Each structure stands twice: as structure tokens, then as C-alpha cells.
Amino acid sequence: MDNKELVLLSKFSVSARRLIGSVNPAKLLKDSDYSAEVFSRVAELGDEELILLSLEVQSMLGLMNTDIPTQKPVVNNVVPIKPVEENQQKYMFGARS
């Protein structure tokens, strides 16, 4: 664990302490049942800042599924571009021709 991850974990623990009680960071790292309980309690509270911290910690710990299924965007009312035919003459009588 690098310094940035430790700072994030301690920031989450301190922020969560004021709303849900004490959070054991070591147990949060090792016990998946404990971490699931802590993160669900945080989600129930609805504190936006704490939820964002919780999501960052979950991502850091690898508890979030970050695989997003890729879908092709659906575009409605799109007119396809016609290819230029070789024997079609270019209009030459406009203002800029």
C-alpha cells in the first residue's frame, strides 16, 4: 500500500467515525464481511461526501466491479451520407465556383 492509499483509508475512517461509529481500517482491509457491512451502512446514511470516499476506498480495495459492458450507441434519425458517383458532375454555377 502506498502513501496515497493510506491517506484515503484514514480519511474514510475518520469521516465514517462521526456518522457510523468507529471503523477499523485493518479489519476493513482483511475482512470482506466487515467491509461489506461498513460500506452498506455508509450507503444507507446518504451522506454524499462519505459515499464518494466509500466508493474510492472500495475501488482501491478491488471490491467494485469496474467492468462496464460496452454497447454501441444507438443513434436515431440519422441520414446516411451518399457516396459521390464518378459520373456525377459538380455544380459549377454557384457564387464560389
N, C-alpha and C. Protein backbone atom coordinates (compact mmCIF):
# COMPACT_ATOMS: atom_id res chain seq x y z
N MET A 1 0.84 -1.17 0.00
CA MET A 1 0.00 0.00 0.00
C MET A 1 0.88 1.24 0.00
N ASP A 2 0.56 2.15 -0.89
CA ASP A 2 1.37 3.36 -0.94
C ASP A 2 0.76 4.44 -0.04
N ASN A 3 1.43 5.56 0.03
CA ASN A 3 1.04 6.65 0.93
C ASN A 3 -0.33 7.21 0.58
N LYS A 4 -0.62 7.34 -0.71
CA LYS A 4 -1.89 7.90 -1.15
C LYS A 4 -3.06 7.02 -0.69
N GLU A 5 -2.89 5.71 -0.79
CA GLU A 5 -3.94 4.78 -0.36
C GLU A 5 -4.14 4.82 1.15
N LEU A 6 -3.05 4.94 1.90
CA LEU A 6 -3.16 5.04 3.36
C LEU A 6 -3.88 6.32 3.78
N VAL A 7 -3.59 7.40 3.09
CA VAL A 7 -4.26 8.68 3.40
C VAL A 7 -5.75 8.56 3.11
N LEU A 8 -6.10 7.95 1.98
CA LEU A 8 -7.50 7.77 1.62
C LEU A 8 -8.23 6.89 2.64
N LEU A 9 -7.60 5.81 3.05
CA LEU A 9 -8.21 4.91 4.03
C LEU A 9 -8.40 5.59 5.38
N SER A 10 -7.41 6.36 5.81
CA SER A 10 -7.54 7.05 7.10
C SER A 10 -8.59 8.17 7.02
N LYS A 11 -8.65 8.85 5.88
CA LYS A 11 -9.66 9.90 5.70
C LYS A 11 -11.06 9.30 5.74
N PHE A 12 -11.24 8.13 5.13
CA PHE A 12 -12.54 7.46 5.17
C PHE A 12 -12.88 7.03 6.59
N SER A 13 -11.91 6.48 7.30
CA SER A 13 -12.14 6.01 8.68
C SER A 13 -12.55 7.15 9.60
N VAL A 14 -11.88 8.27 9.49
CA VAL A 14 -12.18 9.42 10.33
C VAL A 14 -13.55 10.01 9.98
N SER A 15 -13.84 10.11 8.68
CA SER A 15 -15.13 10.66 8.26
C SER A 15 -16.29 9.74 8.65
N ALA A 16 -16.07 8.44 8.54
CA ALA A 16 -17.13 7.48 8.87
C ALA A 16 -17.35 7.42 10.38
N ARG A 17 -16.32 7.66 11.16
CA ARG A 17 -16.44 7.58 12.61
C ARG A 17 -17.49 8.54 13.15
N ARG A 18 -17.58 9.73 12.58
CA ARG A 18 -18.53 10.71 13.09
C ARG A 18 -19.98 10.34 12.77
N LEU A 19 -20.21 9.46 11.78
CA LEU A 19 -21.57 9.12 11.40
C LEU A 19 -22.00 7.70 11.80
N ILE A 20 -21.09 6.72 11.65
CA ILE A 20 -21.49 5.34 11.93
C ILE A 20 -20.74 4.71 13.09
N GLY A 21 -19.86 5.44 13.70
CA GLY A 21 -19.06 4.88 14.79
C GLY A 21 -17.67 4.53 14.30
N SER A 22 -16.91 3.87 15.15
CA SER A 22 -15.51 3.60 14.80
C SER A 22 -15.42 2.56 13.68
N VAL A 23 -14.44 2.77 12.81
CA VAL A 23 -14.17 1.87 11.70
C VAL A 23 -12.72 1.41 11.85
N ASN A 24 -12.51 0.10 11.86
CA ASN A 24 -11.19 -0.47 11.98
C ASN A 24 -10.59 -0.63 10.58
N PRO A 25 -9.61 0.19 10.22
CA PRO A 25 -9.05 0.13 8.87
C PRO A 25 -8.39 -1.21 8.55
N ALA A 26 -7.69 -1.80 9.53
CA ALA A 26 -7.04 -3.09 9.29
C ALA A 26 -8.06 -4.17 9.02
N LYS A 27 -9.16 -4.16 9.78
CA LYS A 27 -10.21 -5.14 9.58
C LYS A 27 -10.96 -4.88 8.28
N LEU A 28 -11.04 -3.62 7.90
CA LEU A 28 -11.69 -3.25 6.66
C LEU A 28 -10.93 -3.83 5.46
N LEU A 29 -9.61 -3.88 5.58
CA LEU A 29 -8.78 -4.41 4.51
C LEU A 29 -8.85 -5.93 4.41
N LYS A 30 -8.97 -6.62 5.55
CA LYS A 30 -8.84 -8.07 5.57
C LYS A 30 -10.16 -8.82 5.62
N ASP A 31 -11.19 -8.28 6.25
CA ASP A 31 -12.45 -8.99 6.45
C ASP A 31 -13.50 -8.46 5.47
N SER A 32 -13.86 -9.29 4.50
CA SER A 32 -14.81 -8.85 3.47
C SER A 32 -16.22 -8.67 4.03
N ASP A 33 -16.62 -9.47 5.02
CA ASP A 33 -17.95 -9.30 5.62
C ASP A 33 -18.04 -7.97 6.37
N TYR A 34 -16.99 -7.65 7.11
CA TYR A 34 -16.94 -6.39 7.86
C TYR A 34 -16.98 -5.20 6.90
N SER A 35 -16.18 -5.27 5.84
CA SER A 35 -16.14 -4.16 4.89
C SER A 35 -17.48 -4.00 4.18
N ALA A 36 -18.14 -5.11 3.84
CA ALA A 36 -19.46 -5.03 3.20
C ALA A 36 -20.47 -4.38 4.14
N GLU A 37 -20.38 -4.71 5.43
CA GLU A 37 -21.29 -4.12 6.41
C GLU A 37 -21.05 -2.62 6.55
N VAL A 38 -19.78 -2.22 6.63
CA VAL A 38 -19.43 -0.80 6.77
C VAL A 38 -19.89 -0.02 5.56
N PHE A 39 -19.61 -0.54 4.36
CA PHE A 39 -19.98 0.18 3.15
C PHE A 39 -21.50 0.25 2.96
N SER A 40 -22.22 -0.78 3.38
CA SER A 40 -23.68 -0.72 3.28
C SER A 40 -24.26 0.28 4.27
N ARG A 41 -23.68 0.37 5.47
CA ARG A 41 -24.14 1.37 6.44
C ARG A 41 -23.89 2.78 5.94
N VAL A 42 -22.76 2.98 5.28
CA VAL A 42 -22.44 4.29 4.71
C VAL A 42 -23.45 4.64 3.62
N ALA A 43 -23.79 3.67 2.78
CA ALA A 43 -24.74 3.91 1.70
C ALA A 43 -26.12 4.24 2.24
N GLU A 44 -26.51 3.63 3.35
CA GLU A 44 -27.82 3.88 3.95
C GLU A 44 -27.93 5.30 4.51
N LEU A 45 -26.82 5.85 4.98
CA LEU A 45 -26.85 7.18 5.58
C LEU A 45 -27.13 8.28 4.56
N GLY A 46 -26.59 8.12 3.37
CA GLY A 46 -26.86 9.09 2.32
C GLY A 46 -25.99 10.34 2.35
N ASP A 47 -24.92 10.35 3.15
CA ASP A 47 -24.01 11.49 3.16
C ASP A 47 -23.15 11.43 1.90
N GLU A 48 -23.31 12.42 1.03
CA GLU A 48 -22.68 12.39 -0.29
C GLU A 48 -21.16 12.30 -0.22
N GLU A 49 -20.55 13.10 0.62
CA GLU A 49 -19.08 13.11 0.72
C GLU A 49 -18.56 11.76 1.20
N LEU A 50 -19.24 11.19 2.18
CA LEU A 50 -18.82 9.90 2.72
C LEU A 50 -19.04 8.78 1.70
N ILE A 51 -20.11 8.87 0.93
CA ILE A 51 -20.36 7.85 -0.09
C ILE A 51 -19.28 7.91 -1.17
N LEU A 52 -18.88 9.11 -1.56
CA LEU A 52 -17.81 9.24 -2.55
C LEU A 52 -16.49 8.67 -2.03
N LEU A 53 -16.19 8.95 -0.76
CA LEU A 53 -14.99 8.37 -0.16
C LEU A 53 -15.11 6.85 -0.12
N SER A 54 -16.29 6.37 0.23
CA SER A 54 -16.52 4.94 0.29
C SER A 54 -16.29 4.28 -1.07
N LEU A 55 -16.77 4.92 -2.13
CA LEU A 55 -16.58 4.37 -3.47
C LEU A 55 -15.11 4.35 -3.86
N GLU A 56 -14.36 5.39 -3.47
CA GLU A 56 -12.93 5.42 -3.76
C GLU A 56 -12.20 4.30 -3.02
N VAL A 57 -12.56 4.09 -1.75
CA VAL A 57 -11.93 3.03 -0.96
C VAL A 57 -12.28 1.66 -1.53
N GLN A 58 -13.54 1.47 -1.90
CA GLN A 58 -13.94 0.19 -2.49
C GLN A 58 -13.20 -0.07 -3.79
N SER A 59 -13.03 0.96 -4.59
CA SER A 59 -12.28 0.83 -5.83
C SER A 59 -10.82 0.50 -5.55
N MET A 60 -10.26 1.15 -4.56
CA MET A 60 -8.88 0.91 -4.18
C MET A 60 -8.67 -0.53 -3.71
N LEU A 61 -9.65 -1.06 -2.97
CA LEU A 61 -9.55 -2.41 -2.43
C LEU A 61 -9.93 -3.48 -3.46
N GLY A 62 -10.44 -3.05 -4.59
CA GLY A 62 -10.82 -4.01 -5.62
C GLY A 62 -12.17 -4.65 -5.35
N LEU A 63 -13.01 -3.99 -4.57
CA LEU A 63 -14.31 -4.55 -4.23
C LEU A 63 -15.40 -4.15 -5.22
N MET A 64 -15.09 -3.20 -6.08
CA MET A 64 -16.09 -2.76 -7.05
C MET A 64 -15.83 -3.43 -8.38
N ASN A 65 -16.91 -3.74 -9.07
CA ASN A 65 -16.81 -4.30 -10.40
C ASN A 65 -16.67 -3.14 -11.37
N THR A 66 -15.48 -2.95 -11.92
CA THR A 66 -15.25 -1.82 -12.81
C THR A 66 -15.41 -2.20 -14.27
N ASP A 67 -15.79 -3.45 -14.56
CA ASP A 67 -16.03 -3.86 -15.93
C ASP A 67 -17.37 -3.32 -16.38
N ILE A 68 -17.33 -2.41 -17.31
CA ILE A 68 -18.53 -1.81 -17.83
C ILE A 68 -18.78 -2.43 -19.20
N PRO A 69 -19.94 -3.04 -19.39
CA PRO A 69 -20.19 -3.64 -20.70
C PRO A 69 -20.25 -2.56 -21.78
N THR A 70 -19.60 -2.84 -22.87
CA THR A 70 -19.58 -1.86 -23.94
C THR A 70 -20.75 -2.09 -24.87
N GLN A 71 -21.43 -1.03 -25.21
CA GLN A 71 -22.55 -1.10 -26.12
C GLN A 71 -22.33 -0.06 -27.20
N LYS A 72 -22.80 -0.39 -28.38
CA LYS A 72 -22.72 0.58 -29.45
C LYS A 72 -23.81 1.62 -29.22
N PRO A 73 -23.51 2.89 -29.38
CA PRO A 73 -24.53 3.90 -29.18
C PRO A 73 -25.63 3.79 -30.23
N VAL A 74 -26.83 3.97 -29.78
CA VAL A 74 -27.98 3.93 -30.68
C VAL A 74 -28.28 5.36 -31.12
N VAL A 75 -28.22 5.58 -32.40
CA VAL A 75 -28.45 6.91 -32.95
C VAL A 75 -29.71 6.84 -33.81
N ASN A 76 -30.69 7.63 -33.48
CA ASN A 76 -31.94 7.65 -34.22
C ASN A 76 -31.95 8.80 -35.21
N ASN A 77 -32.73 8.63 -36.27
CA ASN A 77 -32.93 9.66 -37.27
C ASN A 77 -31.64 10.13 -37.94
N VAL A 78 -30.77 9.21 -38.27
CA VAL A 78 -29.53 9.55 -38.93
C VAL A 78 -29.69 9.27 -40.42
N VAL A 79 -29.38 10.25 -41.22
CA VAL A 79 -29.46 10.10 -42.67
C VAL A 79 -28.07 9.70 -43.16
N PRO A 80 -27.97 8.55 -43.81
CA PRO A 80 -26.64 8.14 -44.28
C PRO A 80 -26.14 9.05 -45.39
N ILE A 81 -24.85 9.23 -45.45
CA ILE A 81 -24.24 10.08 -46.47
C ILE A 81 -24.12 9.27 -47.76
N LYS A 82 -24.56 9.86 -48.86
CA LYS A 82 -24.49 9.18 -50.14
C LYS A 82 -23.07 9.30 -50.68
N PRO A 83 -22.54 8.21 -51.18
CA PRO A 83 -21.22 8.32 -51.81
C PRO A 83 -21.34 9.07 -53.14
N VAL A 84 -20.30 9.79 -53.50
CA VAL A 84 -20.29 10.57 -54.75
C VAL A 84 -20.04 9.62 -55.91
N GLU A 85 -20.90 9.69 -56.88
CA GLU A 85 -20.72 8.86 -58.06
C GLU A 85 -19.71 9.52 -58.98
N GLU A 86 -18.98 8.71 -59.70
CA GLU A 86 -17.93 9.23 -60.57
C GLU A 86 -18.48 10.01 -61.74
N ASN A 87 -19.61 9.61 -62.29
CA ASN A 87 -20.12 10.27 -63.48
C ASN A 87 -21.01 11.47 -63.13
N GLN A 88 -21.16 11.79 -61.86
CA GLN A 88 -21.99 12.93 -61.45
C GLN A 88 -21.16 14.20 -61.59
N GLN A 89 -21.70 15.20 -62.25
CA GLN A 89 -20.96 16.45 -62.46
C GLN A 89 -21.11 17.36 -61.25
N LYS A 90 -20.07 18.12 -61.02
CA LYS A 90 -20.07 19.06 -59.92
C LYS A 90 -20.82 20.32 -60.36
N TYR A 91 -21.63 20.89 -59.48
CA TYR A 91 -22.38 22.12 -59.78
C TYR A 91 -21.40 23.28 -59.82
N MET A 92 -21.32 23.97 -60.93
CA MET A 92 -20.31 24.98 -61.13
C MET A 92 -20.89 26.40 -61.27
N PHE A 93 -22.18 26.63 -61.03
CA PHE A 93 -22.76 27.94 -61.27
C PHE A 93 -23.09 28.69 -59.98
N GLY A 94 -22.49 28.31 -58.88
CA GLY A 94 -22.73 28.98 -57.63
C GLY A 94 -21.86 30.21 -57.47
N ALA A 95 -21.96 30.91 -56.36
CA ALA A 95 -21.24 32.15 -56.12
C ALA A 95 -19.74 31.90 -55.96
N ARG A 96 -19.36 30.75 -55.47
CA ARG A 96 -17.93 30.50 -55.21
C ARG A 96 -17.31 29.50 -56.18
N SER A 97 -17.96 29.15 -57.22
CA SER A 97 -17.40 28.15 -58.12
C SER A 97 -16.52 28.73 -59.19
